[in-house]
Protein backbone atom coordinates (compact mmCIF):
# COMPACT_ATOMS: atom_id res chain seq x y z
CA UNK A 1 -65.01 3.03 -11.61
CA UNK A 2 -64.71 4.43 -8.09
CA UNK A 3 -65.10 1.55 -5.62
CA UNK A 4 -64.13 3.38 -2.43
CA UNK A 5 -66.23 5.92 -0.58
CA UNK A 6 -64.83 7.44 2.62
CA UNK A 7 -66.28 4.80 4.95
CA UNK A 8 -65.01 2.02 2.67
CA UNK A 9 -61.52 3.52 2.72
CA UNK A 10 -61.40 3.68 6.50
CA UNK A 11 -62.54 0.06 6.80
CA UNK A 12 -60.06 -1.06 4.17
CA UNK A 13 -57.03 0.72 5.64
CA UNK A 14 -57.82 -0.61 9.12
CA UNK A 15 -57.99 -4.11 7.65
CA UNK A 16 -54.68 -3.72 5.77
CA UNK A 17 -52.70 -2.90 8.90
CA UNK A 18 -54.19 -5.71 10.99
CA UNK A 19 -54.98 -8.54 8.59
CA UNK A 20 -53.28 -11.91 9.30
CA UNK A 21 -52.87 -12.95 5.65
CA UNK A 22 -49.72 -14.50 4.23
CA UNK A 23 -48.84 -12.25 1.30
CA UNK A 24 -46.33 -12.31 -1.54
CA UNK A 25 -44.59 -9.44 0.25
CA UNK A 26 -44.12 -11.42 3.45
CA UNK A 27 -43.07 -14.59 1.65
CA UNK A 28 -40.32 -12.76 -0.21
CA UNK A 29 -39.13 -10.82 2.81
CA UNK A 30 -38.75 -14.03 4.81
CA UNK A 31 -36.19 -15.23 2.29
CA UNK A 32 -34.26 -11.93 2.19
CA UNK A 33 -34.36 -10.27 5.61
CA UNK A 34 -31.24 -10.34 7.75
CA UNK A 35 -29.85 -8.29 10.66
CA UNK A 36 -27.61 -6.53 8.15
CA UNK A 37 -30.55 -4.94 6.33
CA UNK A 38 -30.73 -1.18 6.86
CA UNK A 39 -34.00 0.25 8.18
CA UNK A 40 -36.03 2.45 5.85
CA UNK A 41 -39.63 3.59 5.53
CA UNK A 42 -41.94 4.79 2.77
CA UNK A 43 -45.33 6.47 2.78
CA UNK A 44 -48.26 4.90 0.98
CA UNK A 45 -50.14 8.18 1.01
CA UNK A 46 -53.73 8.24 -0.25
CA UNK A 47 -55.63 11.41 -1.16
CA UNK A 48 -58.85 12.26 -3.05
CA UNK A 49 -58.79 13.49 -6.63
CA UNK A 50 -59.47 17.23 -6.70
CA UNK A 51 -62.44 16.89 -9.10
CA UNK A 52 -63.83 13.37 -8.83
CA UNK A 53 -63.00 12.57 -5.22
CA UNK A 54 -61.62 9.17 -6.28
CA UNK A 55 -58.89 7.99 -3.94
CA UNK A 56 -55.37 7.87 -5.36
CA UNK A 57 -51.89 6.92 -4.17
CA UNK A 58 -48.88 9.24 -4.10
CA UNK A 59 -45.97 8.04 -6.24
CA UNK A 60 -42.74 9.56 -7.52
CA UNK A 61 -40.34 8.97 -10.37
CA UNK A 62 -36.82 9.08 -9.05
CA UNK A 63 -34.42 11.66 -10.48
CA UNK A 64 -32.04 10.59 -13.23
CA UNK A 65 -29.14 12.03 -11.23
CA UNK A 66 -29.50 9.62 -8.32
CA UNK A 67 -26.90 6.87 -7.94
CA UNK A 68 -29.36 4.06 -7.18
CA UNK A 69 -32.72 3.04 -8.75
CA UNK A 70 -32.46 5.90 -11.24
CA UNK A 71 -35.74 6.82 -12.91
CA UNK A 72 -37.74 4.11 -11.14
CA UNK A 73 -41.23 4.56 -9.77
CA UNK A 74 -41.20 4.70 -5.98
CA UNK A 75 -43.09 5.76 -2.90
CA UNK A 76 -41.72 8.80 -1.11
CA UNK A 77 -39.41 7.64 1.64
CA UNK A 78 -35.87 6.73 2.57
CA UNK A 79 -33.43 5.52 5.19
CA UNK A 80 -34.31 5.85 8.86
CA UNK A 81 -32.33 8.59 10.56
CA UNK A 82 -31.01 7.95 14.11
CA UNK A 83 -33.09 10.95 15.23
CA UNK A 84 -36.33 9.51 13.84
CA UNK A 85 -38.39 8.11 16.72
CA UNK A 86 -40.21 5.60 14.48
CA UNK A 87 -40.60 4.40 10.88
CA UNK A 88 -43.72 6.58 10.71
CA UNK A 89 -41.60 9.63 11.51
CA UNK A 90 -39.12 8.60 8.81
CA UNK A 91 -41.82 8.20 6.17
CA UNK A 92 -43.45 11.54 6.97
CA UNK A 93 -40.11 13.39 7.10
CA UNK A 94 -38.87 11.91 3.84
CA UNK A 95 -42.19 12.59 2.11
CA UNK A 96 -41.97 16.23 3.14
CA UNK A 97 -38.37 16.46 1.91
CA UNK A 98 -39.16 14.85 -1.45
CA UNK A 99 -42.63 16.21 -2.23
CA UNK A 100 -43.16 19.23 0.02
CA UNK A 101 -46.27 17.69 1.61
CA UNK A 102 -46.54 18.62 5.27
CA UNK A 103 -46.58 15.71 7.75
CA UNK A 104 -49.57 17.38 9.41
CA UNK A 105 -51.98 16.59 6.55
CA UNK A 106 -51.72 12.81 6.93
CA UNK A 107 -53.85 10.54 9.07
CA UNK A 108 -51.73 7.49 9.71
CA UNK A 109 -53.54 4.14 9.83
CA UNK A 110 -50.48 2.10 10.71
CA UNK A 111 -47.71 0.06 9.12
CA UNK A 112 -47.76 -2.85 6.69
CA UNK A 113 -45.37 -5.82 6.89
CA UNK A 114 -41.71 -4.97 6.31
CA UNK A 115 -40.49 -5.34 2.73
CA UNK A 116 -36.87 -6.51 2.50
CA UNK A 117 -34.99 -5.83 -0.73
CA UNK A 118 -31.98 -7.44 -2.44
CA UNK A 119 -30.23 -4.06 -2.15
CA UNK A 120 -30.14 -4.46 1.62
CA UNK A 121 -33.04 -2.40 2.96
CA UNK A 122 -35.81 -3.41 5.34
CA UNK A 123 -38.60 -1.04 4.32
CA UNK A 124 -41.58 -0.31 6.56
CA UNK A 125 -44.57 0.81 4.44
CA UNK A 126 -46.60 3.43 6.33
CA UNK A 127 -50.25 3.63 5.32
CA UNK A 128 -51.94 7.05 5.58
CA UNK A 129 -54.56 9.25 3.95
CA UNK A 130 -55.61 12.88 3.93
CA UNK A 131 -58.90 14.70 3.40
CA UNK A 132 -57.84 16.92 0.50
CA UNK A 133 -55.41 16.65 -2.37
CA UNK A 134 -52.23 18.27 -1.02
CA UNK A 135 -50.09 20.70 -2.95
CA UNK A 136 -46.74 19.23 -3.96
CA UNK A 137 -43.32 20.62 -4.75
CA UNK A 138 -40.82 18.07 -6.06
CA UNK A 139 -37.30 18.16 -4.69
CA UNK A 140 -35.43 18.17 -8.01
CA UNK A 141 -32.36 16.54 -6.49
CA UNK A 142 -34.35 13.41 -5.68
CA UNK A 143 -37.62 13.46 -7.61
CA UNK A 144 -38.17 13.91 -11.34
CA UNK A 145 -41.97 13.69 -11.18
CA UNK A 146 -44.82 13.37 -8.69
CA UNK A 147 -47.97 11.61 -9.85
CA UNK A 148 -51.03 9.83 -8.44
CA UNK A 149 -52.07 6.23 -9.07
CA UNK A 150 -55.82 5.50 -8.71
CA UNK A 151 -56.43 3.27 -5.71
CA UNK A 152 -58.98 1.36 -7.78
CA UNK A 153 -56.14 0.38 -10.13
CA UNK A 154 -53.76 -0.60 -7.32
CA UNK A 155 -56.23 -3.02 -5.71
CA UNK A 156 -57.30 -4.68 -8.97
CA UNK A 157 -55.31 -7.91 -9.01
CA UNK A 158 -56.12 -8.49 -12.69
CA UNK A 159 -54.01 -5.47 -13.68
CA UNK A 160 -50.77 -6.97 -12.40
CA UNK A 161 -48.34 -8.84 -14.59
CA UNK A 162 -45.39 -10.96 -13.50
CA UNK A 163 -41.69 -10.16 -13.81
CA UNK A 164 -39.00 -12.42 -12.35
CA UNK A 165 -41.77 -14.16 -10.37
CA UNK A 166 -42.80 -10.88 -8.76
CA UNK A 167 -45.78 -8.59 -9.41
CA UNK A 168 -45.42 -5.66 -11.78
CA UNK A 169 -48.06 -3.02 -12.48
CA UNK A 170 -48.15 -1.24 -15.84
CA UNK A 171 -50.15 1.98 -15.70
CA UNK A 172 -50.36 4.49 -18.54
CA UNK A 173 -46.71 5.06 -19.52
CA UNK A 174 -45.40 4.13 -16.07
CA UNK A 175 -43.60 0.87 -15.37
CA UNK A 176 -44.15 0.04 -11.69
CA UNK A 177 -42.10 -2.92 -10.49
CA UNK A 178 -39.76 -4.08 -7.73
CA UNK A 179 -40.50 -3.30 -4.10
CA UNK A 180 -43.02 -0.61 -5.05
CA UNK A 181 -45.16 -3.04 -7.05
CA UNK A 182 -44.83 -5.66 -4.33
CA UNK A 183 -46.18 -3.26 -1.69
CA UNK A 184 -49.01 -2.18 -4.00
CA UNK A 185 -49.81 -5.82 -4.67
CA UNK A 186 -50.18 -6.31 -0.91
CA UNK A 187 -53.09 -3.85 -1.07
CA UNK A 188 -54.60 -5.89 -3.91
CA UNK A 189 -54.33 -9.06 -1.83
CA UNK A 190 -56.01 -7.32 1.08
CA UNK A 191 -58.79 -6.07 -1.17
CA UNK A 192 -59.36 -9.57 -2.54
CA UNK A 193 -59.81 -10.80 1.03
CA UNK A 194 -61.90 -7.88 2.31
CA UNK A 195 -63.91 -6.58 -0.65
CA UNK A 196 -66.95 -8.81 -0.17
CA UNK A 197 -67.57 -7.65 3.39
CA UNK A 198 -67.00 -3.98 2.48
CA UNK A 199 -69.36 -4.15 -0.49
CA UNK A 200 -71.95 -6.09 1.53
CA UNK A 201 -71.79 -3.42 4.22
CA UNK A 202 -72.27 -0.71 1.61
CA UNK A 203 -75.26 -2.57 0.17
CA UNK A 204 -76.80 -2.76 3.62
CA UNK A 205 -76.46 0.98 4.08
CA UNK A 206 -78.22 1.78 0.85
CA UNK A 207 -80.67 -1.13 0.85
């Protein structure tokens, strides 16, 4: 079921980057973050399905040849370069390097709370969307597969399971866990808080 039209998406993304909720993501990061954590950024990139128009989130499966997090499901992204002026620049640059998607297609809504990991990274999730499904070209040295997760699935809290007291999201044959699942779960928490007002607004438009 497609629960987001274009107006809904804009309202939702604006809420996600400004909402003052206390999330699982923030609670965990407070226990892990330290000055020694290295800055990184990822792109939570959202685009419409080519046929149905349903919004979906860009994800990758990491190459088996990588030294860390081999084969795991991840957002496109990576370490902040000293030449990057901002985490947004890092996320867009890394997404281009990994997936071939031009930075120019994305409309950036803003950044979500930092996600600190046990491996020593402080990851800034950058939330963005584009008007059309972009063409992709996987960088084989880093990415084994590019795929799209329906946004409707990501924001449905009932689809998440628990692993080591953290959210995990099974989808088709994909096992989404760790920091990626935690950031996706943040969207589900935001949707739980915002969905009533978005759906009420939609009902008012069509009523």
